[in-house]
Protein backbone atom coordinates (compact mmCIF):
# COMPACT_ATOMS: atom_id res chain seq x y z
CA MET A 1 75.19 -35.17 -53.91
CA LEU A 2 75.65 -38.56 -52.34
CA ILE A 3 76.12 -38.71 -48.57
CA PRO A 4 75.53 -41.54 -46.08
CA LYS A 5 72.21 -41.49 -44.22
CA LYS A 6 73.62 -42.90 -41.01
CA MET A 7 77.15 -43.58 -39.76
CA LYS A 8 78.53 -45.56 -36.85
CA PHE A 9 81.41 -43.09 -36.36
CA ARG A 10 81.36 -39.42 -37.36
CA LYS A 11 85.11 -39.15 -38.05
CA ALA A 12 87.38 -41.71 -39.71
CA PHE A 13 91.09 -42.32 -40.24
CA LYS A 14 92.50 -41.44 -43.64
CA GLY A 15 93.77 -44.94 -44.44
CA ARG A 16 95.61 -46.10 -47.55
CA ILE A 17 94.42 -47.64 -50.81
CA HIS A 18 96.39 -50.84 -51.46
CA GLY A 19 96.19 -53.39 -54.27
CA GLN A 20 93.75 -54.19 -57.05
CA ALA A 21 89.96 -54.33 -56.76
CA HIS A 22 88.65 -57.87 -56.27
CA LYS A 23 85.01 -56.86 -55.84
CA GLY A 24 83.20 -54.56 -58.23
CA ASN A 25 85.73 -55.10 -61.02
CA LYS A 26 83.31 -56.52 -63.62
CA ILE A 27 80.28 -55.05 -65.36
CA ALA A 28 77.17 -56.19 -63.49
CA TYR A 29 74.21 -54.14 -64.76
CA GLY A 30 74.86 -52.35 -68.04
CA ALA A 31 76.58 -53.06 -71.35
CA TYR A 32 79.40 -50.50 -71.04
CA GLY A 33 81.51 -49.41 -68.09
CA LEU A 34 84.13 -46.93 -66.90
CA GLN A 35 86.90 -48.75 -65.05
CA SER A 36 89.60 -47.07 -62.96
CA LEU A 37 93.27 -47.75 -63.71
CA SER A 38 94.70 -45.94 -60.67
CA ALA A 39 93.89 -45.56 -56.98
CA ASN A 40 92.52 -42.36 -55.47
CA ARG A 41 89.71 -40.89 -53.38
CA VAL A 42 86.71 -39.69 -55.42
CA THR A 43 84.51 -37.06 -53.78
CA SER A 44 80.72 -36.99 -53.95
CA ARG A 45 80.94 -33.76 -56.01
CA GLN A 46 83.15 -35.46 -58.60
CA ILE A 47 80.76 -38.43 -58.82
CA GLU A 48 77.83 -36.07 -59.35
CA ALA A 49 79.70 -34.01 -61.97
CA ALA A 50 80.57 -37.19 -63.90
CA ARG A 51 76.96 -38.41 -63.69
CA GLN A 52 75.64 -35.09 -65.01
CA ALA A 53 78.14 -35.08 -67.89
CA MET A 54 77.07 -38.59 -68.94
CA THR A 55 73.32 -38.04 -68.68
CA ARG A 56 73.51 -34.76 -70.62
CA LYS A 57 75.53 -36.39 -73.39
CA ILE A 58 73.10 -39.30 -73.83
CA LYS A 59 70.18 -36.82 -73.60
CA ARG A 60 68.53 -38.92 -70.87
CA HIS A 61 68.17 -41.95 -73.15
CA GLY A 62 69.41 -45.26 -71.84
CA ARG A 63 70.30 -45.90 -68.22
CA VAL A 64 73.29 -45.01 -66.01
CA TRP A 65 74.38 -46.89 -62.87
CA ILE A 66 76.76 -45.46 -60.25
CA ARG A 67 78.76 -48.34 -58.74
CA ILE A 68 80.71 -46.38 -56.10
CA PHE A 69 79.40 -44.61 -53.00
CA PRO A 70 81.19 -42.03 -50.81
CA HIS A 71 81.14 -43.56 -47.31
CA LEU A 72 84.36 -42.06 -45.92
CA PRO A 73 84.14 -38.65 -44.18
CA VAL A 74 87.03 -36.21 -44.71
CA THR A 75 87.61 -33.69 -41.93
CA ARG A 76 89.15 -30.23 -42.12
CA LYS A 77 90.21 -27.73 -39.47
CA PRO A 78 89.03 -24.13 -39.88
CA HIS A 79 91.37 -21.62 -41.49
CA ASP A 80 93.96 -19.87 -39.23
CA VAL A 81 93.61 -22.33 -36.34
CA ARG A 82 96.65 -23.36 -34.30
CA MET A 83 97.87 -26.93 -34.09
CA GLY A 84 96.29 -29.31 -31.59
CA ARG A 85 92.83 -29.11 -30.01
CA GLY A 86 91.57 -32.27 -31.71
CA LYS A 87 90.39 -33.28 -35.14
CA GLY A 88 88.35 -31.01 -37.42
CA ASN A 89 84.73 -31.42 -38.46
CA PRO A 90 83.59 -33.56 -41.41
CA GLU A 91 83.53 -31.41 -44.56
CA PHE A 92 82.74 -33.86 -47.37
CA TYR A 93 82.59 -37.57 -48.19
CA VAL A 94 84.77 -39.67 -50.49
CA ALA A 95 84.81 -43.13 -52.03
CA ARG A 96 88.08 -45.07 -52.03
CA VAL A 97 88.64 -46.34 -55.58
CA ARG A 98 91.16 -49.09 -56.31
CA PRO A 99 92.58 -49.96 -59.74
CA GLY A 100 90.07 -52.16 -61.56
CA THR A 101 86.93 -50.78 -59.91
CA VAL A 102 84.00 -50.26 -62.30
CA MET A 103 82.72 -46.83 -61.29
CA PHE A 104 79.91 -46.23 -63.80
CA GLU A 105 77.85 -48.44 -66.10
CA MET A 106 75.57 -47.60 -69.00
CA ALA A 107 73.03 -49.40 -71.18
CA GLY A 108 70.41 -48.54 -73.78
CA VAL A 109 72.61 -46.41 -76.07
CA ASP A 110 74.97 -47.30 -78.93
CA GLN A 111 78.67 -47.86 -78.30
CA ASP A 112 79.99 -44.63 -79.86
CA LEU A 113 77.66 -42.44 -77.80
CA ALA A 114 78.42 -44.41 -74.62
CA GLN A 115 82.17 -44.09 -75.21
CA GLU A 116 81.93 -40.33 -75.74
CA ALA A 117 79.75 -39.90 -72.63
CA MET A 118 82.20 -41.95 -70.53
CA ARG A 119 85.10 -39.87 -71.91
CA LEU A 120 83.40 -36.68 -70.75
CA ALA A 121 82.76 -38.24 -67.33
CA ALA A 122 86.39 -39.38 -67.05
CA HIS A 123 87.56 -35.76 -67.33
CA LYS A 124 85.70 -34.99 -64.09
CA LEU A 125 87.42 -37.75 -62.09
CA PRO A 126 90.85 -37.78 -60.38
CA VAL A 127 91.70 -41.33 -61.54
CA LYS A 128 92.91 -42.69 -64.86
CA THR A 129 90.14 -44.69 -66.51
CA LYS A 130 89.33 -46.90 -69.45
CA PHE A 131 86.13 -47.70 -71.34
CA ILE A 132 85.12 -51.37 -71.16
CA ILE A 133 82.42 -53.45 -72.88
CA LYS A 134 80.58 -56.37 -71.30
CA GLN A 135 81.65 -59.71 -72.76
CA GLU A 136 78.66 -61.96 -73.34
CA ILE A 137 79.29 -65.52 -72.14
């Protein structure tokens, strides 16, 4: 699973996800991509599950790029603990995903196989997605 090596602050505010993605909204490395259509927080477990689904479908041919990284820690209080007494401990990490963010890219396989692999990966994610193809300029 993906986790940050080093952090400036151990705990973070929840924050909100506003607006469209202005960075990371175009295919940069591969020929095909999986682009989000809604905003949500994607956990490191969901990213890993999507990656495994894609790589198993393409039978380790081609190449897969992960364009999102879970930097944001999410804290939880233990079960049956009364209110107050501070914030809980970090439990897992999430990536904030805006609409338009390209989350995964793929190259080295044909379009039908890439589309099917991305469809399987999309089922593992909490955001609505669409399959996109790089437009050669």
